[in-house]
Structures are given as C-alpha cells and as structure tokens.
Amino acid sequence: MKLRWLEPLAGTLGVTLVRLLARTWRYRVEGAEHYDGLRADRRPFIFALWHSRILPLLALHRRQDIVLLISRHRDGEYLATLGERWGYRFVRGSSKRGGEVGLLGIVRSLREGNVVAITPDGPQGPPEKVKPGVVAAAQHADAVILPISARASRAWYLRSWDRFCIPKPFARIDVRYAPPIVVAAGKDGLREGATTLEQRLREVSRVA
C-alpha cells in the first residue's frame, strides 16, 4: 500500500503527529442512516472507500471494532501501526501479494459478524477503479457493501498514484455514505456489483 508520506513521519515524529492532527478535524456527515441501520441490525458489512480518502475515514471510525485489509507490502506496516493505535484489527493480503489469503480472511471475518474496511482500488491502483476482490468477498460471505467517501475543505494532496489526501489542521471533513449494495449470486452478480460499487463511490466522492 503506497503510503510513502507515512515513512518520514514514522521515522521522525511518528504516528503521534497524525493522531494529533486528526483531533483538529471537524466532521459533517450525510447518509449516516445507512451506517446506523446496519450497525443496529448487527449485520456484517464491508466499508468500501477509495484509497486516497482512507486517512480521514480511519480517524472518523476509530475504536469501532472494524477490521482492515492491509497490504503485505512494507508500506502497509505504517498503516497497520496507525490503525492499531486507533483500535483497528487486521487481515493481511492484497491483489499483489497474498491476495487469496486476504480474501479468505475477509470472508471468515465477515462470517464471524465483523465489519471490514477495504480500498477496492488499492494497494497500487489504478485509482478509483474497483477490483473484484471486495465484491467477491461480499458475495461469499452474504454481506452487503457500504460505499463511503470524504472530502476535506483544506488538504495536502501527494504526488502518489492516488493523490493521497491529508487534511490540514482544523479542516472540515464532509463525509457521505451511499445506500448499501447487495451482491447477487453468480458471475453476473459479481459484474453488476462491481459496476454499481464504482458508480456509487464516484457519486459520493463528487458530493462529499
């Protein structure tokens, strides 16, 4: 997972700086009824978000007992360190390394009743293009997918493949959840699910 901006931070000031920065962010949320409804029903589901928006959304949902899919790439260690401080648990794997292991871990975690967060365009892109793993996991585990996005009023955007977003101090973060997606059975269900997920992620990203 290409999070090169975390390497110098981890080596100098560490994840503490990121956590302190996140405390200054102010959130405004739309579509929370979709998230609240799934939580109230105690139904396992998959959070789906673009890789570039992961930082403000990790901060928003910290300490909510969510499982993250983390790349086996060395850069994933930085995200794992930050996520651990915020109370996340992990499944390791990616489309590049250990992909099958990651998919099996996600399905198992969902069947145990957990909420799992995945960036369907990670770990290395192409940006804002859904890869099939997230939809396949939802289908196998009979779980729904909840698209979510965020936009910062002021932010730094890195020159990475995804233009990774780091909200500036005291930025307002507009967050929006789309309606949950149910993935139908079979190959047609996978194709339709992937198309719908990509459309809804782009919709909430434009509005958020």
N, C-alpha and C. Protein backbone atom coordinates (compact mmCIF):
# COMPACT_ATOMS: atom_id res chain seq x y z
N MET A 1 0.85 -1.18 0.00
CA MET A 1 0.00 0.00 0.00
C MET A 1 0.89 1.23 0.00
N LYS A 2 0.78 2.06 -1.02
CA LYS A 2 1.70 3.17 -1.20
C LYS A 2 1.34 4.34 -0.28
N LEU A 3 1.92 4.32 0.89
CA LEU A 3 1.71 5.41 1.84
C LEU A 3 3.07 5.99 2.19
N ARG A 4 3.77 6.48 1.19
CA ARG A 4 5.14 6.93 1.39
C ARG A 4 5.23 8.11 2.34
N TRP A 5 4.15 8.89 2.43
CA TRP A 5 4.19 10.05 3.33
C TRP A 5 4.31 9.61 4.77
N LEU A 6 3.91 8.35 5.09
CA LEU A 6 3.99 7.89 6.47
C LEU A 6 5.41 7.50 6.85
N GLU A 7 6.25 7.19 5.87
CA GLU A 7 7.60 6.74 6.20
C GLU A 7 8.40 7.80 6.93
N PRO A 8 8.50 9.04 6.42
CA PRO A 8 9.24 10.05 7.19
C PRO A 8 8.57 10.39 8.51
N LEU A 9 7.24 10.37 8.54
CA LEU A 9 6.57 10.66 9.80
C LEU A 9 6.87 9.59 10.83
N ALA A 10 6.82 8.33 10.40
CA ALA A 10 7.08 7.25 11.33
C ALA A 10 8.53 7.29 11.81
N GLY A 11 9.44 7.73 10.92
CA GLY A 11 10.84 7.75 11.29
C GLY A 11 11.23 8.92 12.15
N THR A 12 10.45 9.99 12.15
CA THR A 12 10.81 11.17 12.93
C THR A 12 9.82 11.41 14.07
N LEU A 13 8.67 11.95 13.74
CA LEU A 13 7.70 12.28 14.77
C LEU A 13 6.72 11.15 15.05
N GLY A 14 6.65 10.17 14.15
CA GLY A 14 5.81 9.01 14.40
C GLY A 14 4.34 9.27 14.18
N VAL A 15 3.57 8.23 14.42
CA VAL A 15 2.14 8.30 14.19
C VAL A 15 1.45 9.24 15.18
N THR A 16 2.14 9.61 16.23
CA THR A 16 1.55 10.55 17.20
C THR A 16 1.17 11.86 16.53
N LEU A 17 1.98 12.32 15.59
CA LEU A 17 1.69 13.56 14.88
C LEU A 17 0.40 13.44 14.09
N VAL A 18 0.21 12.31 13.42
CA VAL A 18 -1.01 12.10 12.64
C VAL A 18 -2.22 12.08 13.56
N ARG A 19 -2.11 11.42 14.69
CA ARG A 19 -3.22 11.35 15.63
C ARG A 19 -3.57 12.73 16.19
N LEU A 20 -2.56 13.53 16.46
CA LEU A 20 -2.81 14.89 16.95
C LEU A 20 -3.46 15.74 15.87
N LEU A 21 -3.01 15.60 14.64
CA LEU A 21 -3.60 16.33 13.53
C LEU A 21 -5.07 15.96 13.37
N ALA A 22 -5.38 14.68 13.47
CA ALA A 22 -6.76 14.21 13.29
C ALA A 22 -7.70 14.77 14.35
N ARG A 23 -7.19 15.06 15.51
CA ARG A 23 -8.04 15.60 16.58
C ARG A 23 -8.57 16.99 16.25
N THR A 24 -7.95 17.67 15.30
CA THR A 24 -8.39 19.03 14.95
C THR A 24 -9.46 19.03 13.86
N TRP A 25 -9.68 17.89 13.21
CA TRP A 25 -10.62 17.84 12.09
C TRP A 25 -12.06 17.90 12.58
N ARG A 26 -12.92 18.55 11.81
CA ARG A 26 -14.35 18.66 12.14
C ARG A 26 -15.15 17.96 11.04
N TYR A 27 -16.06 17.09 11.45
CA TYR A 27 -16.78 16.24 10.50
C TYR A 27 -18.23 16.70 10.32
N ARG A 28 -18.70 16.59 9.08
CA ARG A 28 -20.10 16.79 8.74
C ARG A 28 -20.51 15.58 7.91
N VAL A 29 -21.55 14.88 8.36
CA VAL A 29 -21.88 13.57 7.79
C VAL A 29 -23.26 13.58 7.15
N GLU A 30 -23.37 12.95 5.97
CA GLU A 30 -24.65 12.73 5.29
C GLU A 30 -24.82 11.23 5.03
N GLY A 31 -26.05 10.78 5.10
CA GLY A 31 -26.33 9.37 4.84
C GLY A 31 -25.99 8.46 5.99
N ALA A 32 -25.86 9.01 7.19
CA ALA A 32 -25.48 8.19 8.34
C ALA A 32 -26.52 7.13 8.66
N GLU A 33 -27.75 7.32 8.19
CA GLU A 33 -28.78 6.31 8.46
C GLU A 33 -28.43 4.96 7.84
N HIS A 34 -27.69 4.96 6.76
CA HIS A 34 -27.29 3.70 6.15
C HIS A 34 -26.33 2.93 7.06
N TYR A 35 -25.38 3.66 7.61
CA TYR A 35 -24.42 3.05 8.54
C TYR A 35 -25.10 2.65 9.84
N ASP A 36 -25.89 3.55 10.41
CA ASP A 36 -26.55 3.28 11.68
C ASP A 36 -27.50 2.08 11.58
N GLY A 37 -28.18 1.96 10.43
CA GLY A 37 -29.11 0.85 10.25
C GLY A 37 -28.41 -0.49 10.24
N LEU A 38 -27.28 -0.57 9.55
CA LEU A 38 -26.53 -1.82 9.51
C LEU A 38 -25.98 -2.16 10.89
N ARG A 39 -25.51 -1.17 11.61
CA ARG A 39 -24.99 -1.40 12.95
C ARG A 39 -26.10 -1.84 13.90
N ALA A 40 -27.26 -1.21 13.79
CA ALA A 40 -28.38 -1.57 14.66
C ALA A 40 -28.85 -3.00 14.41
N ASP A 41 -28.78 -3.43 13.15
CA ASP A 41 -29.18 -4.80 12.80
C ASP A 41 -28.10 -5.81 13.12
N ARG A 42 -26.94 -5.33 13.55
CA ARG A 42 -25.79 -6.20 13.85
C ARG A 42 -25.43 -7.07 12.64
N ARG A 43 -25.54 -6.47 11.49
CA ARG A 43 -25.26 -7.19 10.25
C ARG A 43 -23.84 -6.90 9.79
N PRO A 44 -23.06 -7.95 9.50
CA PRO A 44 -21.71 -7.70 8.99
C PRO A 44 -21.77 -7.05 7.61
N PHE A 45 -20.84 -6.15 7.35
CA PHE A 45 -20.80 -5.48 6.06
C PHE A 45 -19.38 -5.03 5.76
N ILE A 46 -19.19 -4.61 4.51
CA ILE A 46 -17.89 -4.13 4.07
C ILE A 46 -17.96 -2.64 3.81
N PHE A 47 -17.10 -1.88 4.49
CA PHE A 47 -16.88 -0.49 4.12
C PHE A 47 -16.03 -0.47 2.85
N ALA A 48 -16.46 0.24 1.83
CA ALA A 48 -15.66 0.39 0.61
C ALA A 48 -15.36 1.87 0.41
N LEU A 49 -14.09 2.21 0.28
CA LEU A 49 -13.67 3.60 0.13
C LEU A 49 -12.47 3.67 -0.79
N TRP A 50 -12.33 4.77 -1.50
CA TRP A 50 -11.16 4.94 -2.35
C TRP A 50 -9.91 5.09 -1.49
N HIS A 51 -8.82 4.58 -2.00
CA HIS A 51 -7.56 4.58 -1.26
C HIS A 51 -7.15 6.00 -0.84
N SER A 52 -7.40 6.96 -1.69
CA SER A 52 -6.96 8.33 -1.41
C SER A 52 -7.66 8.94 -0.20
N ARG A 53 -8.84 8.42 0.17
CA ARG A 53 -9.63 9.02 1.26
C ARG A 53 -9.48 8.27 2.57
N ILE A 54 -8.54 7.34 2.66
CA ILE A 54 -8.50 6.44 3.80
C ILE A 54 -8.18 7.16 5.12
N LEU A 55 -7.32 8.18 5.09
CA LEU A 55 -6.87 8.78 6.35
C LEU A 55 -8.00 9.45 7.15
N PRO A 56 -8.77 10.38 6.57
CA PRO A 56 -9.84 10.99 7.37
C PRO A 56 -10.92 10.01 7.79
N LEU A 57 -11.14 8.95 6.98
CA LEU A 57 -12.17 7.98 7.34
C LEU A 57 -11.69 7.02 8.42
N LEU A 58 -10.40 6.72 8.44
CA LEU A 58 -9.85 5.95 9.54
C LEU A 58 -10.01 6.70 10.85
N ALA A 59 -9.75 7.99 10.81
CA ALA A 59 -9.89 8.79 12.02
C ALA A 59 -11.35 8.85 12.49
N LEU A 60 -12.28 8.97 11.55
CA LEU A 60 -13.69 9.07 11.91
C LEU A 60 -14.19 7.80 12.59
N HIS A 61 -13.79 6.64 12.09
CA HIS A 61 -14.34 5.38 12.57
C HIS A 61 -13.40 4.65 13.54
N ARG A 62 -12.49 5.38 14.15
CA ARG A 62 -11.59 4.73 15.10
C ARG A 62 -12.36 4.19 16.30
N ARG A 63 -11.82 3.12 16.85
CA ARG A 63 -12.35 2.46 18.04
C ARG A 63 -13.80 2.00 17.87
N GLN A 64 -14.11 1.53 16.67
CA GLN A 64 -15.43 0.97 16.39
C GLN A 64 -15.33 -0.52 16.04
N ASP A 65 -14.23 -1.14 16.42
CA ASP A 65 -14.03 -2.59 16.26
C ASP A 65 -14.18 -3.00 14.79
N ILE A 66 -13.49 -2.29 13.91
CA ILE A 66 -13.51 -2.58 12.47
C ILE A 66 -12.23 -3.30 12.07
N VAL A 67 -12.35 -4.21 11.13
CA VAL A 67 -11.20 -4.96 10.62
C VAL A 67 -10.75 -4.34 9.30
N LEU A 68 -9.45 -4.12 9.16
CA LEU A 68 -8.89 -3.54 7.94
C LEU A 68 -8.18 -4.60 7.13
N LEU A 69 -8.32 -4.52 5.79
CA LEU A 69 -7.48 -5.30 4.91
C LEU A 69 -6.21 -4.50 4.66
N ILE A 70 -5.06 -5.05 5.07
CA ILE A 70 -3.79 -4.35 4.99
C ILE A 70 -2.86 -5.09 4.05
N SER A 71 -2.20 -4.37 3.16
CA SER A 71 -1.26 -4.96 2.22
C SER A 71 -0.08 -5.59 2.94
N ARG A 72 0.47 -6.65 2.32
CA ARG A 72 1.71 -7.25 2.83
C ARG A 72 2.93 -6.42 2.43
N HIS A 73 2.72 -5.44 1.59
CA HIS A 73 3.82 -4.55 1.20
C HIS A 73 4.31 -3.83 2.45
N ARG A 74 5.58 -3.49 2.44
CA ARG A 74 6.19 -2.86 3.60
C ARG A 74 5.47 -1.58 3.99
N ASP A 75 4.92 -0.82 3.04
CA ASP A 75 4.22 0.41 3.37
C ASP A 75 2.97 0.14 4.20
N GLY A 76 2.43 -1.08 4.07
CA GLY A 76 1.26 -1.43 4.87
C GLY A 76 1.55 -1.42 6.35
N GLU A 77 2.81 -1.58 6.72
CA GLU A 77 3.17 -1.59 8.14
C GLU A 77 2.89 -0.24 8.79
N TYR A 78 3.07 0.84 8.04
CA TYR A 78 2.82 2.16 8.60
C TYR A 78 1.33 2.35 8.88
N LEU A 79 0.51 1.90 7.93
CA LEU A 79 -0.93 1.98 8.15
C LEU A 79 -1.35 1.09 9.30
N ALA A 80 -0.73 -0.10 9.41
CA ALA A 80 -1.06 -1.00 10.50
C ALA A 80 -0.72 -0.38 11.85
N THR A 81 0.41 0.31 11.91
CA THR A 81 0.81 0.94 13.17
C THR A 81 -0.19 2.02 13.58
N LEU A 82 -0.57 2.85 12.61
CA LEU A 82 -1.55 3.90 12.88
C LEU A 82 -2.90 3.30 13.25
N GLY A 83 -3.34 2.31 12.46
CA GLY A 83 -4.63 1.69 12.73
C GLY A 83 -4.69 1.01 14.08
N GLU A 84 -3.61 0.39 14.48
CA GLU A 84 -3.59 -0.27 15.79
C GLU A 84 -3.79 0.73 16.91
N ARG A 85 -3.19 1.91 16.78
CA ARG A 85 -3.36 2.95 17.80
C ARG A 85 -4.81 3.41 17.87
N TRP A 86 -5.53 3.29 16.75
CA TRP A 86 -6.93 3.73 16.69
C TRP A 86 -7.91 2.58 16.92
N GLY A 87 -7.40 1.42 17.32
CA GLY A 87 -8.28 0.33 17.72
C GLY A 87 -8.76 -0.58 16.61
N TYR A 88 -8.10 -0.55 15.45
CA TYR A 88 -8.49 -1.44 14.35
C TYR A 88 -7.81 -2.80 14.50
N ARG A 89 -8.44 -3.81 13.90
CA ARG A 89 -7.84 -5.13 13.73
C ARG A 89 -7.56 -5.35 12.25
N PHE A 90 -6.82 -6.43 11.91
CA PHE A 90 -6.29 -6.53 10.56
C PHE A 90 -6.43 -7.92 9.94
N VAL A 91 -6.60 -7.90 8.61
CA VAL A 91 -6.42 -9.06 7.75
C VAL A 91 -5.33 -8.69 6.77
N ARG A 92 -4.32 -9.55 6.61
CA ARG A 92 -3.21 -9.21 5.73
C ARG A 92 -3.40 -9.85 4.36
N GLY A 93 -3.03 -9.10 3.32
CA GLY A 93 -3.12 -9.60 1.96
C GLY A 93 -3.39 -8.46 1.01
N SER A 94 -3.24 -8.71 -0.29
CA SER A 94 -3.52 -7.70 -1.31
C SER A 94 -3.65 -8.38 -2.65
N SER A 95 -3.98 -7.59 -3.66
CA SER A 95 -4.07 -8.14 -5.01
C SER A 95 -2.71 -8.53 -5.54
N LYS A 96 -1.64 -7.99 -4.97
CA LYS A 96 -0.30 -8.28 -5.45
C LYS A 96 0.33 -9.45 -4.70
N ARG A 97 0.15 -9.46 -3.38
CA ARG A 97 0.79 -10.47 -2.55
C ARG A 97 -0.24 -11.03 -1.58
N GLY A 98 -0.38 -12.34 -1.58
CA GLY A 98 -1.27 -12.97 -0.62
C GLY A 98 -2.72 -12.64 -0.84
N GLY A 99 -3.12 -12.39 -2.09
CA GLY A 99 -4.48 -11.97 -2.37
C GLY A 99 -5.51 -12.99 -1.94
N GLU A 100 -5.25 -14.27 -2.23
CA GLU A 100 -6.21 -15.30 -1.85
C GLU A 100 -6.32 -15.42 -0.35
N VAL A 101 -5.18 -15.33 0.33
CA VAL A 101 -5.20 -15.38 1.79
C VAL A 101 -6.01 -14.22 2.34
N GLY A 102 -5.83 -13.03 1.76
CA GLY A 102 -6.58 -11.86 2.22
C GLY A 102 -8.07 -12.04 2.01
N LEU A 103 -8.47 -12.58 0.85
CA LEU A 103 -9.89 -12.78 0.57
C LEU A 103 -10.50 -13.78 1.54
N LEU A 104 -9.81 -14.87 1.80
CA LEU A 104 -10.31 -15.87 2.75
C LEU A 104 -10.44 -15.27 4.15
N GLY A 105 -9.46 -14.44 4.53
CA GLY A 105 -9.52 -13.81 5.84
C GLY A 105 -10.69 -12.85 5.97
N ILE A 106 -10.98 -12.11 4.88
CA ILE A 106 -12.11 -11.18 4.89
C ILE A 106 -13.42 -11.94 5.03
N VAL A 107 -13.58 -13.00 4.24
CA VAL A 107 -14.81 -13.80 4.29
C VAL A 107 -14.99 -14.40 5.68
N ARG A 108 -13.93 -14.93 6.23
CA ARG A 108 -14.01 -15.52 7.57
C ARG A 108 -14.40 -14.45 8.61
N SER A 109 -13.79 -13.28 8.49
CA SER A 109 -14.08 -12.22 9.45
C SER A 109 -15.53 -11.76 9.34
N LEU A 110 -16.04 -11.64 8.11
CA LEU A 110 -17.43 -11.25 7.91
C LEU A 110 -18.39 -12.30 8.47
N ARG A 111 -18.09 -13.56 8.25
CA ARG A 111 -18.94 -14.63 8.76
C ARG A 111 -18.94 -14.69 10.28
N GLU A 112 -17.90 -14.15 10.90
CA GLU A 112 -17.85 -14.06 12.36
C GLU A 112 -18.61 -12.85 12.87
N GLY A 113 -19.19 -12.07 11.95
CA GLY A 113 -20.01 -10.93 12.35
C GLY A 113 -19.31 -9.61 12.40
N ASN A 114 -18.12 -9.51 11.82
CA ASN A 114 -17.34 -8.28 11.88
C ASN A 114 -17.66 -7.34 10.72
N VAL A 115 -17.27 -6.08 10.89
CA VAL A 115 -17.28 -5.08 9.83
C VAL A 115 -15.86 -4.97 9.29
N VAL A 116 -15.71 -5.00 7.96
CA VAL A 116 -14.40 -4.97 7.33
C VAL A 116 -14.31 -3.76 6.41
N ALA A 117 -13.18 -3.07 6.42
CA ALA A 117 -12.96 -1.92 5.54
C ALA A 117 -11.93 -2.27 4.47
N ILE A 118 -12.27 -1.96 3.21
CA ILE A 118 -11.41 -2.30 2.07
C ILE A 118 -11.33 -1.10 1.13
N THR A 119 -10.16 -0.87 0.56
CA THR A 119 -10.00 0.10 -0.52
C THR A 119 -9.97 -0.68 -1.83
N PRO A 120 -11.05 -0.71 -2.60
CA PRO A 120 -11.12 -1.57 -3.78
C PRO A 120 -10.21 -1.16 -4.94
N ASP A 121 -9.58 0.01 -4.84
CA ASP A 121 -8.62 0.40 -5.87
C ASP A 121 -7.18 0.24 -5.39
N GLY A 122 -6.98 -0.25 -4.16
CA GLY A 122 -5.64 -0.44 -3.62
C GLY A 122 -5.09 -1.81 -3.98
N PRO A 123 -3.79 -2.07 -3.66
CA PRO A 123 -2.89 -1.14 -3.00
C PRO A 123 -2.13 -0.20 -3.93
N GLN A 124 -2.17 -0.45 -5.25
CA GLN A 124 -1.36 0.38 -6.15
C GLN A 124 -2.12 0.85 -7.38
N GLY A 125 -3.45 0.84 -7.33
CA GLY A 125 -4.23 1.37 -8.42
C GLY A 125 -4.57 0.34 -9.48
N PRO A 126 -5.13 0.81 -10.59
CA PRO A 126 -5.35 2.21 -10.95
C PRO A 126 -6.36 2.90 -10.03
N PRO A 127 -6.22 4.22 -9.87
CA PRO A 127 -7.07 4.94 -8.92
C PRO A 127 -8.54 4.94 -9.33
N GLU A 128 -9.39 4.76 -8.33
CA GLU A 128 -10.84 4.83 -8.47
C GLU A 128 -11.36 3.85 -9.52
N LYS A 129 -10.75 2.67 -9.54
CA LYS A 129 -11.22 1.56 -10.35
C LYS A 129 -11.41 0.36 -9.41
N VAL A 130 -12.63 -0.17 -9.37
CA VAL A 130 -12.93 -1.26 -8.44
C VAL A 130 -12.33 -2.57 -8.93
N LYS A 131 -11.55 -3.20 -8.07
CA LYS A 131 -11.07 -4.55 -8.32
C LYS A 131 -12.09 -5.54 -7.76
N PRO A 132 -12.13 -6.76 -8.30
CA PRO A 132 -13.23 -7.67 -7.98
C PRO A 132 -13.22 -8.27 -6.58
N GLY A 133 -12.10 -8.18 -5.86
CA GLY A 133 -12.00 -8.86 -4.58
C GLY A 133 -13.06 -8.47 -3.57
N VAL A 134 -13.34 -7.17 -3.46
CA VAL A 134 -14.30 -6.71 -2.46
C VAL A 134 -15.69 -7.26 -2.76
N VAL A 135 -16.07 -7.31 -4.03
CA VAL A 135 -17.39 -7.80 -4.41
C VAL A 135 -17.47 -9.31 -4.20
N ALA A 136 -16.39 -10.02 -4.53
CA ALA A 136 -16.36 -11.47 -4.33
C ALA A 136 -16.46 -11.82 -2.85
N ALA A 137 -15.78 -11.05 -2.00
CA ALA A 137 -15.85 -11.30 -0.57
C ALA A 137 -17.27 -11.11 -0.04
N ALA A 138 -17.93 -10.05 -0.49
CA ALA A 138 -19.30 -9.80 -0.05
C ALA A 138 -20.22 -10.93 -0.50
N GLN A 139 -20.04 -11.39 -1.74
CA GLN A 139 -20.87 -12.47 -2.26
C GLN A 139 -20.67 -13.75 -1.47
N HIS A 140 -19.43 -14.13 -1.21
CA HIS A 140 -19.15 -15.37 -0.50
C HIS A 140 -19.64 -15.34 0.94
N ALA A 141 -19.58 -14.16 1.56
CA ALA A 141 -19.97 -14.05 2.97
C ALA A 141 -21.41 -13.62 3.17
N ASP A 142 -22.13 -13.41 2.06
CA ASP A 142 -23.51 -12.93 2.13
C ASP A 142 -23.59 -11.63 2.93
N ALA A 143 -22.66 -10.74 2.63
CA ALA A 143 -22.60 -9.44 3.31
C ALA A 143 -22.88 -8.34 2.29
N VAL A 144 -23.33 -7.19 2.77
CA VAL A 144 -23.56 -6.04 1.89
C VAL A 144 -22.33 -5.15 1.89
N ILE A 145 -22.27 -4.26 0.92
CA ILE A 145 -21.16 -3.31 0.80
C ILE A 145 -21.70 -1.91 1.04
N LEU A 146 -21.02 -1.15 1.90
CA LEU A 146 -21.42 0.22 2.20
C LEU A 146 -20.38 1.19 1.64
N PRO A 147 -20.67 1.86 0.52
CA PRO A 147 -19.72 2.84 -0.02
C PRO A 147 -19.67 4.10 0.85
N ILE A 148 -18.48 4.65 1.00
CA ILE A 148 -18.30 5.84 1.82
C ILE A 148 -17.18 6.69 1.21
N SER A 149 -17.30 8.01 1.31
CA SER A 149 -16.25 8.88 0.83
C SER A 149 -16.15 10.11 1.72
N ALA A 150 -15.08 10.86 1.54
CA ALA A 150 -14.84 12.05 2.34
C ALA A 150 -14.11 13.09 1.51
N ARG A 151 -14.38 14.35 1.81
CA ARG A 151 -13.67 15.44 1.15
C ARG A 151 -13.31 16.49 2.21
N ALA A 152 -12.07 16.94 2.16
CA ALA A 152 -11.59 17.92 3.13
C ALA A 152 -11.68 19.33 2.55
N SER A 153 -12.04 20.28 3.41
CA SER A 153 -12.12 21.67 2.97
C SER A 153 -10.74 22.23 2.63
N ARG A 154 -9.73 21.73 3.33
CA ARG A 154 -8.34 22.12 3.07
C ARG A 154 -7.48 20.88 3.24
N ALA A 155 -6.62 20.61 2.29
CA ALA A 155 -5.83 19.38 2.38
C ALA A 155 -4.56 19.48 1.55
N TRP A 156 -3.59 18.63 1.89
CA TRP A 156 -2.43 18.38 1.04
C TRP A 156 -2.74 17.15 0.20
N TYR A 157 -2.37 17.19 -1.08
CA TYR A 157 -2.56 16.03 -1.96
C TYR A 157 -1.19 15.61 -2.47
N LEU A 158 -0.82 14.39 -2.18
CA LEU A 158 0.50 13.90 -2.54
C LEU A 158 0.59 13.57 -4.02
N ARG A 159 1.79 13.52 -4.52
CA ARG A 159 2.03 13.15 -5.91
C ARG A 159 2.18 11.63 -6.02
N SER A 160 1.27 10.94 -5.41
CA SER A 160 1.26 9.48 -5.44
C SER A 160 0.26 9.04 -6.51
N TRP A 161 0.19 7.73 -6.75
CA TRP A 161 -0.70 7.22 -7.80
C TRP A 161 -2.16 7.57 -7.54
N ASP A 162 -2.54 7.76 -6.27
CA ASP A 162 -3.93 8.04 -5.93
C ASP A 162 -4.17 9.48 -5.49
N ARG A 163 -3.12 10.33 -5.49
CA ARG A 163 -3.23 11.70 -4.95
C ARG A 163 -3.77 11.65 -3.52
N PHE A 164 -3.03 10.97 -2.69
CA PHE A 164 -3.43 10.71 -1.30
C PHE A 164 -3.73 12.01 -0.57
N CYS A 165 -4.86 12.03 0.13
CA CYS A 165 -5.36 13.23 0.80
C CYS A 165 -4.96 13.26 2.26
N ILE A 166 -4.33 14.34 2.68
CA ILE A 166 -4.02 14.58 4.09
C ILE A 166 -4.69 15.90 4.48
N PRO A 167 -5.81 15.85 5.19
CA PRO A 167 -6.47 17.09 5.59
C PRO A 167 -5.56 17.97 6.45
N LYS A 168 -5.63 19.27 6.23
CA LYS A 168 -4.83 20.21 7.00
C LYS A 168 -5.45 20.43 8.39
N PRO A 169 -4.69 21.04 9.29
CA PRO A 169 -5.24 21.28 10.63
C PRO A 169 -6.54 22.07 10.58
N PHE A 170 -7.50 21.62 11.37
CA PHE A 170 -8.81 22.25 11.54
C PHE A 170 -9.64 22.24 10.25
N ALA A 171 -9.33 21.33 9.35
CA ALA A 171 -10.13 21.19 8.13
C ALA A 171 -11.51 20.63 8.48
N ARG A 172 -12.50 21.00 7.67
CA ARG A 172 -13.82 20.37 7.79
C ARG A 172 -13.84 19.18 6.82
N ILE A 173 -14.28 18.04 7.32
CA ILE A 173 -14.34 16.83 6.52
C ILE A 173 -15.81 16.50 6.25
N ASP A 174 -16.20 16.59 4.99
CA ASP A 174 -17.56 16.21 4.59
C ASP A 174 -17.57 14.73 4.21
N VAL A 175 -18.40 13.97 4.91
CA VAL A 175 -18.46 12.52 4.73
C VAL A 175 -19.85 12.15 4.23
N ARG A 176 -19.90 11.21 3.29
CA ARG A 176 -21.19 10.74 2.82
C ARG A 176 -21.17 9.23 2.63
N TYR A 177 -22.25 8.58 3.12
CA TYR A 177 -22.47 7.15 2.91
C TYR A 177 -23.51 6.98 1.81
N ALA A 178 -23.28 6.03 0.92
CA ALA A 178 -24.27 5.66 -0.10
C ALA A 178 -25.13 4.52 0.44
N PRO A 179 -26.26 4.25 -0.18
CA PRO A 179 -27.07 3.09 0.24
C PRO A 179 -26.26 1.80 0.08
N PRO A 180 -26.49 0.83 0.95
CA PRO A 180 -25.76 -0.45 0.86
C PRO A 180 -26.05 -1.17 -0.45
N ILE A 181 -25.09 -1.95 -0.88
CA ILE A 181 -25.18 -2.72 -2.12
C ILE A 181 -25.28 -4.20 -1.78
N VAL A 182 -26.29 -4.87 -2.31
CA VAL A 182 -26.43 -6.31 -2.17
C VAL A 182 -25.89 -6.97 -3.43
N VAL A 183 -24.98 -7.90 -3.27
CA VAL A 183 -24.36 -8.58 -4.41
C VAL A 183 -25.13 -9.86 -4.71
N ALA A 184 -25.66 -9.97 -5.92
CA ALA A 184 -26.41 -11.15 -6.31
C ALA A 184 -25.46 -12.32 -6.59
N ALA A 185 -26.03 -13.52 -6.72
CA ALA A 185 -25.23 -14.72 -6.94
C ALA A 185 -24.69 -14.77 -8.37
N GLY A 186 -23.64 -15.57 -8.56
CA GLY A 186 -23.13 -15.84 -9.89
C GLY A 186 -22.21 -14.78 -10.45
N LYS A 187 -21.69 -15.05 -11.65
CA LYS A 187 -20.77 -14.11 -12.30
C LYS A 187 -21.46 -12.81 -12.67
N ASP A 188 -22.71 -12.90 -13.06
CA ASP A 188 -23.45 -11.67 -13.39
C ASP A 188 -23.59 -10.79 -12.15
N GLY A 189 -23.80 -11.43 -10.99
CA GLY A 189 -23.90 -10.67 -9.75
C GLY A 189 -22.60 -9.96 -9.42
N LEU A 190 -21.47 -10.63 -9.69
CA LEU A 190 -20.17 -10.00 -9.44
C LEU A 190 -19.95 -8.80 -10.34
N ARG A 191 -20.26 -8.96 -11.62
CA ARG A 191 -20.07 -7.85 -12.56
C ARG A 191 -20.97 -6.67 -12.22
N GLU A 192 -22.23 -6.96 -11.94
CA GLU A 192 -23.16 -5.89 -11.62
C GLU A 192 -22.78 -5.21 -10.30
N GLY A 193 -22.34 -6.02 -9.33
CA GLY A 193 -21.94 -5.45 -8.05
C GLY A 193 -20.75 -4.52 -8.19
N ALA A 194 -19.76 -4.93 -9.00
CA ALA A 194 -18.58 -4.09 -9.19
C ALA A 194 -18.94 -2.78 -9.90
N THR A 195 -19.80 -2.86 -10.90
CA THR A 195 -20.23 -1.66 -11.62
C THR A 195 -20.99 -0.71 -10.70
N THR A 196 -21.91 -1.26 -9.92
CA THR A 196 -22.70 -0.43 -9.00
C THR A 196 -21.81 0.21 -7.95
N LEU A 197 -20.86 -0.55 -7.41
CA LEU A 197 -19.97 -0.01 -6.38
C LEU A 197 -19.15 1.14 -6.93
N GLU A 198 -18.60 0.98 -8.13
CA GLU A 198 -17.79 2.05 -8.70
C GLU A 198 -18.63 3.30 -8.95
N GLN A 199 -19.85 3.13 -9.43
CA GLN A 199 -20.74 4.27 -9.67
C GLN A 199 -21.06 5.00 -8.37
N ARG A 200 -21.39 4.24 -7.33
CA ARG A 200 -21.78 4.88 -6.06
C ARG A 200 -20.60 5.54 -5.37
N LEU A 201 -19.43 4.95 -5.48
CA LEU A 201 -18.26 5.59 -4.89
C LEU A 201 -17.96 6.90 -5.60
N ARG A 202 -18.12 6.93 -6.91
CA ARG A 202 -17.88 8.17 -7.63
C ARG A 202 -18.93 9.22 -7.29
N GLU A 203 -20.17 8.78 -7.10
CA GLU A 203 -21.25 9.71 -6.74
C GLU A 203 -20.98 10.35 -5.39
N VAL A 204 -20.68 9.53 -4.37
CA VAL A 204 -20.46 10.11 -3.04
C VAL A 204 -19.18 10.90 -2.98
N SER A 205 -18.21 10.57 -3.84
CA SER A 205 -16.97 11.34 -3.88
C SER A 205 -17.18 12.72 -4.48
N ARG A 206 -18.09 12.81 -5.44
CA ARG A 206 -18.40 14.13 -6.03
C ARG A 206 -19.17 14.99 -5.05
N VAL A 207 -20.08 14.40 -4.30
CA VAL A 207 -20.93 15.16 -3.39
C VAL A 207 -20.20 15.48 -2.11
N ALA A 208 -19.42 14.50 -1.60
CA ALA A 208 -18.77 14.69 -0.31
C ALA A 208 -17.78 15.85 -0.38
